[in-house]
Amino acid sequence: LFLTAGQNTETLFPPALFDIGEFLSRYS
């Protein structure tokens, strides 16, 4: 169950990485 749930998580919710400086300036 945990293996299946883990694989689903990566598929359903792809990761995202942001430079916090750019992120805050874009959404300021």
mmCIF file of all heavy atoms, coordinates in Angstrom:
data_MODEL
# 
_entry.id   MODEL 
# 
loop_
_atom_site.group_PDB 
_atom_site.id 
_atom_site.type_symbol 
_atom_site.label_atom_id 
_atom_site.label_alt_id 
_atom_site.label_comp_id 
_atom_site.label_asym_id 
_atom_site.label_entity_id 
_atom_site.label_seq_id 
_atom_site.pdbx_PDB_ins_code 
_atom_site.Cartn_x 
_atom_site.Cartn_y 
_atom_site.Cartn_z 
_atom_site.occupancy 
_atom_site.B_iso_or_equiv 
_atom_site.pdbx_formal_charge 
_atom_site.auth_seq_id 
_atom_site.auth_comp_id 
_atom_site.auth_asym_id 
_atom_site.auth_atom_id 
_atom_site.pdbx_PDB_model_num 
ATOM 1   N N   . LEU A 1 1  ? 0.825  -1.199 0.000   1.00 0.00 ? 1  LEU A N   1 
ATOM 2   C CA  . LEU A 1 1  ? 0.000  0.000  0.000   1.00 0.00 ? 1  LEU A CA  1 
ATOM 3   C C   . LEU A 1 1  ? 0.865  1.257  0.000   1.00 0.00 ? 1  LEU A C   1 
ATOM 4   O O   . LEU A 1 1  ? 0.603  2.201  -0.751  1.00 0.00 ? 1  LEU A O   1 
ATOM 5   C CB  . LEU A 1 1  ? -0.925 0.001  1.220   1.00 0.00 ? 1  LEU A CB  1 
ATOM 6   C CG  . LEU A 1 1  ? -2.075 -1.005 1.227   1.00 0.00 ? 1  LEU A CG  1 
ATOM 7   C CD1 . LEU A 1 1  ? -2.816 -0.949 2.558   1.00 0.00 ? 1  LEU A CD1 1 
ATOM 8   C CD2 . LEU A 1 1  ? -3.036 -0.741 0.078   1.00 0.00 ? 1  LEU A CD2 1 
ATOM 9   N N   . PHE A 1 2  ? 1.904  1.264  0.827   1.00 0.00 ? 2  PHE A N   1 
ATOM 10  C CA  . PHE A 1 2  ? 2.782  2.432  0.891   1.00 0.00 ? 2  PHE A CA  1 
ATOM 11  C C   . PHE A 1 2  ? 3.584  2.579  -0.404  1.00 0.00 ? 2  PHE A C   1 
ATOM 12  O O   . PHE A 1 2  ? 3.832  3.694  -0.855  1.00 0.00 ? 2  PHE A O   1 
ATOM 13  C CB  . PHE A 1 2  ? 3.703  2.342  2.104   1.00 0.00 ? 2  PHE A CB  1 
ATOM 14  C CG  . PHE A 1 2  ? 3.090  2.895  3.352   1.00 0.00 ? 2  PHE A CG  1 
ATOM 15  C CD1 . PHE A 1 2  ? 2.393  2.071  4.222   1.00 0.00 ? 2  PHE A CD1 1 
ATOM 16  C CD2 . PHE A 1 2  ? 3.174  4.249  3.641   1.00 0.00 ? 2  PHE A CD2 1 
ATOM 17  C CE1 . PHE A 1 2  ? 1.804  2.587  5.366   1.00 0.00 ? 2  PHE A CE1 1 
ATOM 18  C CE2 . PHE A 1 2  ? 2.593  4.776  4.782   1.00 0.00 ? 2  PHE A CE2 1 
ATOM 19  C CZ  . PHE A 1 2  ? 1.902  3.941  5.657   1.00 0.00 ? 2  PHE A CZ  1 
ATOM 20  N N   . LEU A 1 3  ? 3.981  1.467  -1.000  1.00 0.00 ? 3  LEU A N   1 
ATOM 21  C CA  . LEU A 1 3  ? 4.705  1.527  -2.260  1.00 0.00 ? 3  LEU A CA  1 
ATOM 22  C C   . LEU A 1 3  ? 3.821  2.112  -3.356  1.00 0.00 ? 3  LEU A C   1 
ATOM 23  O O   . LEU A 1 3  ? 4.240  3.006  -4.110  1.00 0.00 ? 3  LEU A O   1 
ATOM 24  C CB  . LEU A 1 3  ? 5.186  0.128  -2.654  1.00 0.00 ? 3  LEU A CB  1 
ATOM 25  C CG  . LEU A 1 3  ? 5.936  0.025  -3.986  1.00 0.00 ? 3  LEU A CG  1 
ATOM 26  C CD1 . LEU A 1 3  ? 7.215  0.850  -3.940  1.00 0.00 ? 3  LEU A CD1 1 
ATOM 27  C CD2 . LEU A 1 3  ? 6.267  -1.446 -4.305  1.00 0.00 ? 3  LEU A CD2 1 
ATOM 28  N N   . THR A 1 4  ? 2.581  1.627  -3.441  1.00 0.00 ? 4  THR A N   1 
ATOM 29  C CA  . THR A 1 4  ? 1.642  2.136  -4.446  1.00 0.00 ? 4  THR A CA  1 
ATOM 30  C C   . THR A 1 4  ? 1.331  3.603  -4.217  1.00 0.00 ? 4  THR A C   1 
ATOM 31  O O   . THR A 1 4  ? 1.323  4.407  -5.156  1.00 0.00 ? 4  THR A O   1 
ATOM 32  C CB  . THR A 1 4  ? 0.330  1.316  -4.415  1.00 0.00 ? 4  THR A CB  1 
ATOM 33  O OG1 . THR A 1 4  ? 0.626  -0.057 -4.681  1.00 0.00 ? 4  THR A OG1 1 
ATOM 34  C CG2 . THR A 1 4  ? -0.664 1.825  -5.443  1.00 0.00 ? 4  THR A CG2 1 
ATOM 35  N N   . ALA A 1 5  ? 1.081  3.959  -2.964  1.00 0.00 ? 5  ALA A N   1 
ATOM 36  C CA  . ALA A 1 5  ? 0.762  5.350  -2.635  1.00 0.00 ? 5  ALA A CA  1 
ATOM 37  C C   . ALA A 1 5  ? 1.936  6.269  -2.976  1.00 0.00 ? 5  ALA A C   1 
ATOM 38  O O   . ALA A 1 5  ? 1.747  7.381  -3.480  1.00 0.00 ? 5  ALA A O   1 
ATOM 39  C CB  . ALA A 1 5  ? 0.388  5.477  -1.165  1.00 0.00 ? 5  ALA A CB  1 
ATOM 40  N N   . GLY A 1 6  ? 3.161  5.808  -2.713  1.00 0.00 ? 6  GLY A N   1 
ATOM 41  C CA  . GLY A 1 6  ? 4.338  6.616  -3.021  1.00 0.00 ? 6  GLY A CA  1 
ATOM 42  C C   . GLY A 1 6  ? 4.502  6.847  -4.510  1.00 0.00 ? 6  GLY A C   1 
ATOM 43  O O   . GLY A 1 6  ? 4.804  7.967  -4.954  1.00 0.00 ? 6  GLY A O   1 
ATOM 44  N N   . GLN A 1 7  ? 4.294  5.814  -5.303  1.00 0.00 ? 7  GLN A N   1 
ATOM 45  C CA  . GLN A 1 7  ? 4.390  5.952  -6.763  1.00 0.00 ? 7  GLN A CA  1 
ATOM 46  C C   . GLN A 1 7  ? 3.305  6.893  -7.290  1.00 0.00 ? 7  GLN A C   1 
ATOM 47  O O   . GLN A 1 7  ? 3.564  7.731  -8.163  1.00 0.00 ? 7  GLN A O   1 
ATOM 48  C CB  . GLN A 1 7  ? 4.267  4.574  -7.405  1.00 0.00 ? 7  GLN A CB  1 
ATOM 49  C CG  . GLN A 1 7  ? 5.449  3.659  -7.103  1.00 0.00 ? 7  GLN A CG  1 
ATOM 50  C CD  . GLN A 1 7  ? 5.217  2.221  -7.542  1.00 0.00 ? 7  GLN A CD  1 
ATOM 51  O OE1 . GLN A 1 7  ? 4.069  1.798  -7.753  1.00 0.00 ? 7  GLN A OE1 1 
ATOM 52  N NE2 . GLN A 1 7  ? 6.291  1.456  -7.674  1.00 0.00 ? 7  GLN A NE2 1 
ATOM 53  N N   . ASN A 1 8  ? 2.090  6.755  -6.733  1.00 0.00 ? 8  ASN A N   1 
ATOM 54  C CA  . ASN A 1 8  ? 1.001  7.643  -7.151  1.00 0.00 ? 8  ASN A CA  1 
ATOM 55  C C   . ASN A 1 8  ? 1.308  9.098  -6.822  1.00 0.00 ? 8  ASN A C   1 
ATOM 56  O O   . ASN A 1 8  ? 1.000  10.008 -7.609  1.00 0.00 ? 8  ASN A O   1 
ATOM 57  C CB  . ASN A 1 8  ? -0.302 7.242  -6.453  1.00 0.00 ? 8  ASN A CB  1 
ATOM 58  C CG  . ASN A 1 8  ? -0.893 5.956  -6.989  1.00 0.00 ? 8  ASN A CG  1 
ATOM 59  O OD1 . ASN A 1 8  ? -0.495 5.473  -8.039  1.00 0.00 ? 8  ASN A OD1 1 
ATOM 60  N ND2 . ASN A 1 8  ? -1.832 5.389  -6.257  1.00 0.00 ? 8  ASN A ND2 1 
ATOM 61  N N   . THR A 1 9  ? 1.901  9.324  -5.652  1.00 0.00 ? 9  THR A N   1 
ATOM 62  C CA  . THR A 1 9  ? 2.176  10.694 -5.213  1.00 0.00 ? 9  THR A CA  1 
ATOM 63  C C   . THR A 1 9  ? 3.100  11.401 -6.190  1.00 0.00 ? 9  THR A C   1 
ATOM 64  O O   . THR A 1 9  ? 2.879  12.562 -6.554  1.00 0.00 ? 9  THR A O   1 
ATOM 65  C CB  . THR A 1 9  ? 2.810  10.691 -3.811  1.00 0.00 ? 9  THR A CB  1 
ATOM 66  O OG1 . THR A 1 9  ? 2.006  9.906  -2.925  1.00 0.00 ? 9  THR A OG1 1 
ATOM 67  C CG2 . THR A 1 9  ? 2.911  12.110 -3.256  1.00 0.00 ? 9  THR A CG2 1 
ATOM 68  N N   . GLU A 1 10 ? 4.128  10.707 -6.628  1.00 0.00 ? 10 GLU A N   1 
ATOM 69  C CA  . GLU A 1 10 ? 5.078  11.308 -7.561  1.00 0.00 ? 10 GLU A CA  1 
ATOM 70  C C   . GLU A 1 10 ? 4.431  11.591 -8.923  1.00 0.00 ? 10 GLU A C   1 
ATOM 71  O O   . GLU A 1 10 ? 4.794  12.549 -9.599  1.00 0.00 ? 10 GLU A O   1 
ATOM 72  C CB  . GLU A 1 10 ? 6.289  10.396 -7.730  1.00 0.00 ? 10 GLU A CB  1 
ATOM 73  C CG  . GLU A 1 10 ? 7.083  10.224 -6.442  1.00 0.00 ? 10 GLU A CG  1 
ATOM 74  C CD  . GLU A 1 10 ? 8.367  9.441  -6.636  1.00 0.00 ? 10 GLU A CD  1 
ATOM 75  O OE1 . GLU A 1 10 ? 8.955  9.538  -7.730  1.00 0.00 ? 10 GLU A OE1 1 
ATOM 76  O OE2 . GLU A 1 10 ? 8.782  8.739  -5.701  1.00 0.00 ? 10 GLU A OE2 1 
ATOM 77  N N   . THR A 1 11 ? 3.464  10.754 -9.308  1.00 0.00 ? 11 THR A N   1 
ATOM 78  C CA  . THR A 1 11 ? 2.778  10.935 -10.587 1.00 0.00 ? 11 THR A CA  1 
ATOM 79  C C   . THR A 1 11 ? 1.713  12.027 -10.504 1.00 0.00 ? 11 THR A C   1 
ATOM 80  O O   . THR A 1 11 ? 1.616  12.899 -11.386 1.00 0.00 ? 11 THR A O   1 
ATOM 81  C CB  . THR A 1 11 ? 2.120  9.616  -11.029 1.00 0.00 ? 11 THR A CB  1 
ATOM 82  O OG1 . THR A 1 11 ? 3.116  8.602  -11.153 1.00 0.00 ? 11 THR A OG1 1 
ATOM 83  C CG2 . THR A 1 11 ? 1.406  9.785  -12.359 1.00 0.00 ? 11 THR A CG2 1 
ATOM 84  N N   . LEU A 1 12 ? 0.912  11.984 -9.438  1.00 0.00 ? 12 LEU A N   1 
ATOM 85  C CA  . LEU A 1 12 ? -0.188 12.936 -9.288  1.00 0.00 ? 12 LEU A CA  1 
ATOM 86  C C   . LEU A 1 12 ? 0.296  14.339 -8.940  1.00 0.00 ? 12 LEU A C   1 
ATOM 87  O O   . LEU A 1 12 ? -0.306 15.330 -9.346  1.00 0.00 ? 12 LEU A O   1 
ATOM 88  C CB  . LEU A 1 12 ? -1.149 12.456 -8.193  1.00 0.00 ? 12 LEU A CB  1 
ATOM 89  C CG  . LEU A 1 12 ? -1.917 11.166 -8.454  1.00 0.00 ? 12 LEU A CG  1 
ATOM 90  C CD1 . LEU A 1 12 ? -2.620 10.696 -7.181  1.00 0.00 ? 12 LEU A CD1 1 
ATOM 91  C CD2 . LEU A 1 12 ? -2.940 11.376 -9.564  1.00 0.00 ? 12 LEU A CD2 1 
ATOM 92  N N   . PHE A 1 13 ? 1.386  14.402 -8.168  1.00 0.00 ? 13 PHE A N   1 
ATOM 93  C CA  . PHE A 1 13 ? 1.864  15.685 -7.656  1.00 0.00 ? 13 PHE A CA  1 
ATOM 94  C C   . PHE A 1 13 ? 3.353  15.857 -7.966  1.00 0.00 ? 13 PHE A C   1 
ATOM 95  O O   . PHE A 1 13 ? 4.206  15.716 -7.085  1.00 0.00 ? 13 PHE A O   1 
ATOM 96  C CB  . PHE A 1 13 ? 1.625  15.775 -6.151  1.00 0.00 ? 13 PHE A CB  1 
ATOM 97  C CG  . PHE A 1 13 ? 0.210  15.444 -5.750  1.00 0.00 ? 13 PHE A CG  1 
ATOM 98  C CD1 . PHE A 1 13 ? -0.075 14.272 -5.065  1.00 0.00 ? 13 PHE A CD1 1 
ATOM 99  C CD2 . PHE A 1 13 ? -0.827 16.296 -6.081  1.00 0.00 ? 13 PHE A CD2 1 
ATOM 100 C CE1 . PHE A 1 13 ? -1.371 13.964 -4.701  1.00 0.00 ? 13 PHE A CE1 1 
ATOM 101 C CE2 . PHE A 1 13 ? -2.131 16.000 -5.717  1.00 0.00 ? 13 PHE A CE2 1 
ATOM 102 C CZ  . PHE A 1 13 ? -2.411 14.830 -5.025  1.00 0.00 ? 13 PHE A CZ  1 
ATOM 103 N N   . PRO A 1 14 ? 3.697  16.159 -9.228  1.00 0.00 ? 14 PRO A N   1 
ATOM 104 C CA  . PRO A 1 14 ? 5.103  16.334 -9.607  1.00 0.00 ? 14 PRO A CA  1 
ATOM 105 C C   . PRO A 1 14 ? 5.771  17.411 -8.750  1.00 0.00 ? 14 PRO A C   1 
ATOM 106 O O   . PRO A 1 14 ? 5.133  18.389 -8.358  1.00 0.00 ? 14 PRO A O   1 
ATOM 107 C CB  . PRO A 1 14 ? 5.015  16.771 -11.077 1.00 0.00 ? 14 PRO A CB  1 
ATOM 108 C CG  . PRO A 1 14 ? 3.682  16.293 -11.546 1.00 0.00 ? 14 PRO A CG  1 
ATOM 109 C CD  . PRO A 1 14 ? 2.777  16.379 -10.363 1.00 0.00 ? 14 PRO A CD  1 
ATOM 110 N N   . PRO A 1 15 ? 7.073  17.243 -8.460  1.00 0.00 ? 15 PRO A N   1 
ATOM 111 C CA  . PRO A 1 15 ? 7.767  18.194 -7.594  1.00 0.00 ? 15 PRO A CA  1 
ATOM 112 C C   . PRO A 1 15 ? 8.010  19.532 -8.277  1.00 0.00 ? 15 PRO A C   1 
ATOM 113 O O   . PRO A 1 15 ? 8.027  19.640 -9.506  1.00 0.00 ? 15 PRO A O   1 
ATOM 114 C CB  . PRO A 1 15 ? 9.086  17.485 -7.297  1.00 0.00 ? 15 PRO A CB  1 
ATOM 115 C CG  . PRO A 1 15 ? 9.326  16.630 -8.501  1.00 0.00 ? 15 PRO A CG  1 
ATOM 116 C CD  . PRO A 1 15 ? 7.959  16.155 -8.921  1.00 0.00 ? 15 PRO A CD  1 
ATOM 117 N N   . ALA A 1 16 ? 8.211  20.544 -7.452  1.00 0.00 ? 16 ALA A N   1 
ATOM 118 C CA  . ALA A 1 16 ? 8.522  21.883 -7.955  1.00 0.00 ? 16 ALA A CA  1 
ATOM 119 C C   . ALA A 1 16 ? 9.549  22.516 -7.026  1.00 0.00 ? 16 ALA A C   1 
ATOM 120 O O   . ALA A 1 16 ? 9.489  22.353 -5.810  1.00 0.00 ? 16 ALA A O   1 
ATOM 121 C CB  . ALA A 1 16 ? 7.262  22.750 -8.022  1.00 0.00 ? 16 ALA A CB  1 
ATOM 122 N N   . LEU A 1 17 ? 10.512 23.230 -7.623  1.00 0.00 ? 17 LEU A N   1 
ATOM 123 C CA  . LEU A 1 17 ? 11.558 23.901 -6.861  1.00 0.00 ? 17 LEU A CA  1 
ATOM 124 C C   . LEU A 1 17 ? 11.649 25.347 -7.334  1.00 0.00 ? 17 LEU A C   1 
ATOM 125 O O   . LEU A 1 17 ? 11.703 25.616 -8.532  1.00 0.00 ? 17 LEU A O   1 
ATOM 126 C CB  . LEU A 1 17 ? 12.906 23.212 -7.066  1.00 0.00 ? 17 LEU A CB  1 
ATOM 127 C CG  . LEU A 1 17 ? 14.076 23.766 -6.257  1.00 0.00 ? 17 LEU A CG  1 
ATOM 128 C CD1 . LEU A 1 17 ? 13.951 23.368 -4.789  1.00 0.00 ? 17 LEU A CD1 1 
ATOM 129 C CD2 . LEU A 1 17 ? 15.406 23.262 -6.826  1.00 0.00 ? 17 LEU A CD2 1 
ATOM 130 N N   . PHE A 1 18 ? 11.658 26.281 -6.379  1.00 0.00 ? 18 PHE A N   1 
ATOM 131 C CA  . PHE A 1 18 ? 11.717 27.700 -6.712  1.00 0.00 ? 18 PHE A CA  1 
ATOM 132 C C   . PHE A 1 18 ? 12.809 28.385 -5.901  1.00 0.00 ? 18 PHE A C   1 
ATOM 133 O O   . PHE A 1 18 ? 12.997 28.082 -4.719  1.00 0.00 ? 18 PHE A O   1 
ATOM 134 C CB  . PHE A 1 18 ? 10.384 28.394 -6.407  1.00 0.00 ? 18 PHE A CB  1 
ATOM 135 C CG  . PHE A 1 18 ? 9.195  27.775 -7.094  1.00 0.00 ? 18 PHE A CG  1 
ATOM 136 C CD1 . PHE A 1 18 ? 8.352  26.916 -6.412  1.00 0.00 ? 18 PHE A CD1 1 
ATOM 137 C CD2 . PHE A 1 18 ? 8.925  28.051 -8.429  1.00 0.00 ? 18 PHE A CD2 1 
ATOM 138 C CE1 . PHE A 1 18 ? 7.253  26.344 -7.036  1.00 0.00 ? 18 PHE A CE1 1 
ATOM 139 C CE2 . PHE A 1 18 ? 7.832  27.489 -9.072  1.00 0.00 ? 18 PHE A CE2 1 
ATOM 140 C CZ  . PHE A 1 18 ? 6.998  26.626 -8.373  1.00 0.00 ? 18 PHE A CZ  1 
ATOM 141 N N   . ASP A 1 19 ? 13.506 29.290 -6.537  1.00 0.00 ? 19 ASP A N   1 
ATOM 142 C CA  . ASP A 1 19 ? 14.388 30.197 -5.822  1.00 0.00 ? 19 ASP A CA  1 
ATOM 143 C C   . ASP A 1 19 ? 13.483 31.165 -5.059  1.00 0.00 ? 19 ASP A C   1 
ATOM 144 O O   . ASP A 1 19 ? 12.653 31.854 -5.657  1.00 0.00 ? 19 ASP A O   1 
ATOM 145 C CB  . ASP A 1 19 ? 15.267 30.960 -6.822  1.00 0.00 ? 19 ASP A CB  1 
ATOM 146 C CG  . ASP A 1 19 ? 16.231 31.914 -6.155  1.00 0.00 ? 19 ASP A CG  1 
ATOM 147 O OD1 . ASP A 1 19 ? 15.780 32.725 -5.319  1.00 0.00 ? 19 ASP A OD1 1 
ATOM 148 O OD2 . ASP A 1 19 ? 17.432 31.878 -6.483  1.00 0.00 ? 19 ASP A OD2 1 
ATOM 149 N N   . ILE A 1 20 ? 13.607 31.206 -3.744  1.00 0.00 ? 20 ILE A N   1 
ATOM 150 C CA  . ILE A 1 20 ? 12.643 31.965 -2.943  1.00 0.00 ? 20 ILE A CA  1 
ATOM 151 C C   . ILE A 1 20 ? 12.706 33.465 -3.263  1.00 0.00 ? 20 ILE A C   1 
ATOM 152 O O   . ILE A 1 20 ? 11.692 34.158 -3.194  1.00 0.00 ? 20 ILE A O   1 
ATOM 153 C CB  . ILE A 1 20 ? 12.853 31.714 -1.436  1.00 0.00 ? 20 ILE A CB  1 
ATOM 154 C CG1 . ILE A 1 20 ? 11.626 32.183 -0.655  1.00 0.00 ? 20 ILE A CG1 1 
ATOM 155 C CG2 . ILE A 1 20 ? 14.118 32.370 -0.922  1.00 0.00 ? 20 ILE A CG2 1 
ATOM 156 C CD1 . ILE A 1 20 ? 11.608 31.743 0.787   1.00 0.00 ? 20 ILE A CD1 1 
ATOM 157 N N   . GLY A 1 21 ? 13.888 33.962 -3.634  1.00 0.00 ? 21 GLY A N   1 
ATOM 158 C CA  . GLY A 1 21 ? 13.992 35.369 -4.006  1.00 0.00 ? 21 GLY A CA  1 
ATOM 159 C C   . GLY A 1 21 ? 13.159 35.695 -5.217  1.00 0.00 ? 21 GLY A C   1 
ATOM 160 O O   . GLY A 1 21 ? 12.404 36.676 -5.239  1.00 0.00 ? 21 GLY A O   1 
ATOM 161 N N   . GLU A 1 22 ? 13.274 34.853 -6.251  1.00 0.00 ? 22 GLU A N   1 
ATOM 162 C CA  . GLU A 1 22 ? 12.480 35.067 -7.467  1.00 0.00 ? 22 GLU A CA  1 
ATOM 163 C C   . GLU A 1 22 ? 11.001 34.864 -7.169  1.00 0.00 ? 22 GLU A C   1 
ATOM 164 O O   . GLU A 1 22 ? 10.147 35.625 -7.624  1.00 0.00 ? 22 GLU A O   1 
ATOM 165 C CB  . GLU A 1 22 ? 12.923 34.104 -8.572  1.00 0.00 ? 22 GLU A CB  1 
ATOM 166 C CG  . GLU A 1 22 ? 12.159 34.330 -9.867  1.00 0.00 ? 22 GLU A CG  1 
ATOM 167 C CD  . GLU A 1 22 ? 12.233 33.157 -10.828 1.00 0.00 ? 22 GLU A CD  1 
ATOM 168 O OE1 . GLU A 1 22 ? 12.852 32.139 -10.478 1.00 0.00 ? 22 GLU A OE1 1 
ATOM 169 O OE2 . GLU A 1 22 ? 11.665 33.275 -11.913 1.00 0.00 ? 22 GLU A OE2 1 
ATOM 170 N N   . PHE A 1 23 ? 10.709 33.842 -6.378  1.00 0.00 ? 23 PHE A N   1 
ATOM 171 C CA  . PHE A 1 23 ? 9.317  33.525 -6.064  1.00 0.00 ? 23 PHE A CA  1 
ATOM 172 C C   . PHE A 1 23 ? 8.624  34.714 -5.396  1.00 0.00 ? 23 PHE A C   1 
ATOM 173 O O   . PHE A 1 23 ? 7.531  35.119 -5.788  1.00 0.00 ? 23 PHE A O   1 
ATOM 174 C CB  . PHE A 1 23 ? 9.262  32.308 -5.146  1.00 0.00 ? 23 PHE A CB  1 
ATOM 175 C CG  . PHE A 1 23 ? 7.880  31.809 -4.860  1.00 0.00 ? 23 PHE A CG  1 
ATOM 176 C CD1 . PHE A 1 23 ? 7.275  30.867 -5.679  1.00 0.00 ? 23 PHE A CD1 1 
ATOM 177 C CD2 . PHE A 1 23 ? 7.174  32.268 -3.753  1.00 0.00 ? 23 PHE A CD2 1 
ATOM 178 C CE1 . PHE A 1 23 ? 5.996  30.407 -5.411  1.00 0.00 ? 23 PHE A CE1 1 
ATOM 179 C CE2 . PHE A 1 23 ? 5.900  31.824 -3.477  1.00 0.00 ? 23 PHE A CE2 1 
ATOM 180 C CZ  . PHE A 1 23 ? 5.308  30.885 -4.306  1.00 0.00 ? 23 PHE A CZ  1 
ATOM 181 N N   . LEU A 1 24 ? 9.277  35.296 -4.396  1.00 0.00 ? 24 LEU A N   1 
ATOM 182 C CA  . LEU A 1 24 ? 8.676  36.410 -3.670  1.00 0.00 ? 24 LEU A CA  1 
ATOM 183 C C   . LEU A 1 24 ? 8.558  37.657 -4.547  1.00 0.00 ? 24 LEU A C   1 
ATOM 184 O O   . LEU A 1 24 ? 7.587  38.404 -4.444  1.00 0.00 ? 24 LEU A O   1 
ATOM 185 C CB  . LEU A 1 24 ? 9.491  36.717 -2.411  1.00 0.00 ? 24 LEU A CB  1 
ATOM 186 C CG  . LEU A 1 24 ? 9.458  35.631 -1.330  1.00 0.00 ? 24 LEU A CG  1 
ATOM 187 C CD1 . LEU A 1 24 ? 10.362 36.006 -0.178  1.00 0.00 ? 24 LEU A CD1 1 
ATOM 188 C CD2 . LEU A 1 24 ? 8.033  35.395 -0.836  1.00 0.00 ? 24 LEU A CD2 1 
ATOM 189 N N   . SER A 1 25 ? 9.541  37.871 -5.412  1.00 0.00 ? 25 SER A N   1 
ATOM 190 C CA  . SER A 1 25 ? 9.472  39.052 -6.277  1.00 0.00 ? 25 SER A CA  1 
ATOM 191 C C   . SER A 1 25 ? 8.344  38.930 -7.292  1.00 0.00 ? 25 SER A C   1 
ATOM 192 O O   . SER A 1 25 ? 7.680  39.905 -7.633  1.00 0.00 ? 25 SER A O   1 
ATOM 193 C CB  . SER A 1 25 ? 10.806 39.261 -7.001  1.00 0.00 ? 25 SER A CB  1 
ATOM 194 O OG  . SER A 1 25 ? 11.051 38.208 -7.929  1.00 0.00 ? 25 SER A OG  1 
ATOM 195 N N   . ARG A 1 26 ? 8.108  37.704 -7.765  1.00 0.00 ? 26 ARG A N   1 
ATOM 196 C CA  . ARG A 1 26 ? 7.042  37.500 -8.757  1.00 0.00 ? 26 ARG A CA  1 
ATOM 197 C C   . ARG A 1 26 ? 5.659  37.674 -8.140  1.00 0.00 ? 26 ARG A C   1 
ATOM 198 O O   . ARG A 1 26 ? 4.721  38.087 -8.796  1.00 0.00 ? 26 ARG A O   1 
ATOM 199 C CB  . ARG A 1 26 ? 7.150  36.096 -9.358  1.00 0.00 ? 26 ARG A CB  1 
ATOM 200 C CG  . ARG A 1 26 ? 8.422  35.832 -10.129 1.00 0.00 ? 26 ARG A CG  1 
ATOM 201 C CD  . ARG A 1 26 ? 8.394  36.491 -11.493 1.00 0.00 ? 26 ARG A CD  1 
ATOM 202 N NE  . ARG A 1 26 ? 9.600  36.189 -12.251 1.00 0.00 ? 26 ARG A NE  1 
ATOM 203 C CZ  . ARG A 1 26 ? 9.618  35.867 -13.528 1.00 0.00 ? 26 ARG A CZ  1 
ATOM 204 N NH1 . ARG A 1 26 ? 8.490  35.811 -14.201 1.00 0.00 ? 26 ARG A NH1 1 
ATOM 205 N NH2 . ARG A 1 26 ? 10.750 35.630 -14.145 1.00 0.00 ? 26 ARG A NH2 1 
ATOM 206 N N   . TYR A 1 27 ? 5.550  37.281 -6.852  1.00 0.00 ? 27 TYR A N   1 
ATOM 207 C CA  . TYR A 1 27 ? 4.243  37.316 -6.201  1.00 0.00 ? 27 TYR A CA  1 
ATOM 208 C C   . TYR A 1 27 ? 4.098  38.473 -5.229  1.00 0.00 ? 27 TYR A C   1 
ATOM 209 O O   . TYR A 1 27 ? 3.143  38.532 -4.469  1.00 0.00 ? 27 TYR A O   1 
ATOM 210 C CB  . TYR A 1 27 ? 3.989  35.991 -5.469  1.00 0.00 ? 27 TYR A CB  1 
ATOM 211 C CG  . TYR A 1 27 ? 3.783  34.847 -6.416  1.00 0.00 ? 27 TYR A CG  1 
ATOM 212 C CD1 . TYR A 1 27 ? 4.856  34.072 -6.847  1.00 0.00 ? 27 TYR A CD1 1 
ATOM 213 C CD2 . TYR A 1 27 ? 2.522  34.545 -6.907  1.00 0.00 ? 27 TYR A CD2 1 
ATOM 214 C CE1 . TYR A 1 27 ? 4.673  33.030 -7.742  1.00 0.00 ? 27 TYR A CE1 1 
ATOM 215 C CE2 . TYR A 1 27 ? 2.323  33.499 -7.796  1.00 0.00 ? 27 TYR A CE2 1 
ATOM 216 C CZ  . TYR A 1 27 ? 3.405  32.746 -8.202  1.00 0.00 ? 27 TYR A CZ  1 
ATOM 217 O OH  . TYR A 1 27 ? 3.226  31.719 -9.079  1.00 0.00 ? 27 TYR A OH  1 
ATOM 218 N N   . SER A 1 28 ? 5.026  39.384 -5.259  1.00 0.00 ? 28 SER A N   1 
ATOM 219 C CA  . SER A 1 28 ? 4.986  40.536 -4.347  1.00 0.00 ? 28 SER A CA  1 
ATOM 220 C C   . SER A 1 28 ? 3.791  41.426 -4.648  1.00 0.00 ? 28 SER A C   1 
ATOM 221 O O   . SER A 1 28 ? 3.434  41.641 -5.797  1.00 0.00 ? 28 SER A O   1 
ATOM 222 C CB  . SER A 1 28 ? 6.272  41.352 -4.481  1.00 0.00 ? 28 SER A CB  1 
ATOM 223 O OG  . SER A 1 28 ? 6.132  42.595 -3.827  1.00 0.00 ? 28 SER A OG  1 
# 
